[in-house]
């Protein structure tokens, strides 16, 4: 694949050229041509999680590959938009470059001091310029529920709607737990469990713990211990009663 000058593109230009060819209605890939923003979005989310997973495992070689997969998603979306006459990859790069300079006036401008507070002030001003009427506007609905709960709580906290310390958040967990136990029916119980999870996220936030990362770690811990139980018991594992499995769990846990 060569450019009009006869020179093969390199770097990001090569990837853009590949995507352009894949999306060619006549010579491209049937699957790639059929895709839309909506059909590609789940893959974009999946690739972002795979990047996070590679980082979590400390696998640098895998991180390189996963970042490439994520970059492909950006190029894919940009190509679909360009075909519709909406924007191109260059516009995406310009947009994020402008944003980073705008949000770092202490680096690229004449503001004396910066920091996270200034970043949030500028973000709030940007939301206002876009016509946002609520402090909660702009928190993406497509985020994982745990992460979105944390972001909603942080936004609310900036307006002063927040517990002064972790004590109130902890008490809220106990209150919500009681409401789960006294729920009148399945629908009510599901609602109260949602409130309980939201309260736990709030408590984690007040303790300075990132709930999404904490739950990922808990998942990994459970997975590791469960597999260790299976390995120790072998084929007899499935036939163990709950007491036997619990004893094995405690043995693995001590180990």
Foldseek 3Di string as FASTA:
>chain_A
DPDPVRHQDDDPVNLLVLLVQQCPPPRHPPVLVPDDCVVLVVVLVVLVVQLVVCVVVVPVVSNVVSVVSNVSSLSSHQVNCVVVVRHHSVVVVVVVVVLVCQLPCCVNNDDVDHDPVSSVVSVVVVCVVVPDPDLLPPQDPPDDPLQSLLVSQVSCVVVVPADPALPVLVVQLVVLVVQLVVQDDDVSNVVSVVSNSSSVSRSCVRVVHHVVVVVVVVVVVVVVLVVVLCVVCPPCSVVDDPVVSVVSSVVSVVD
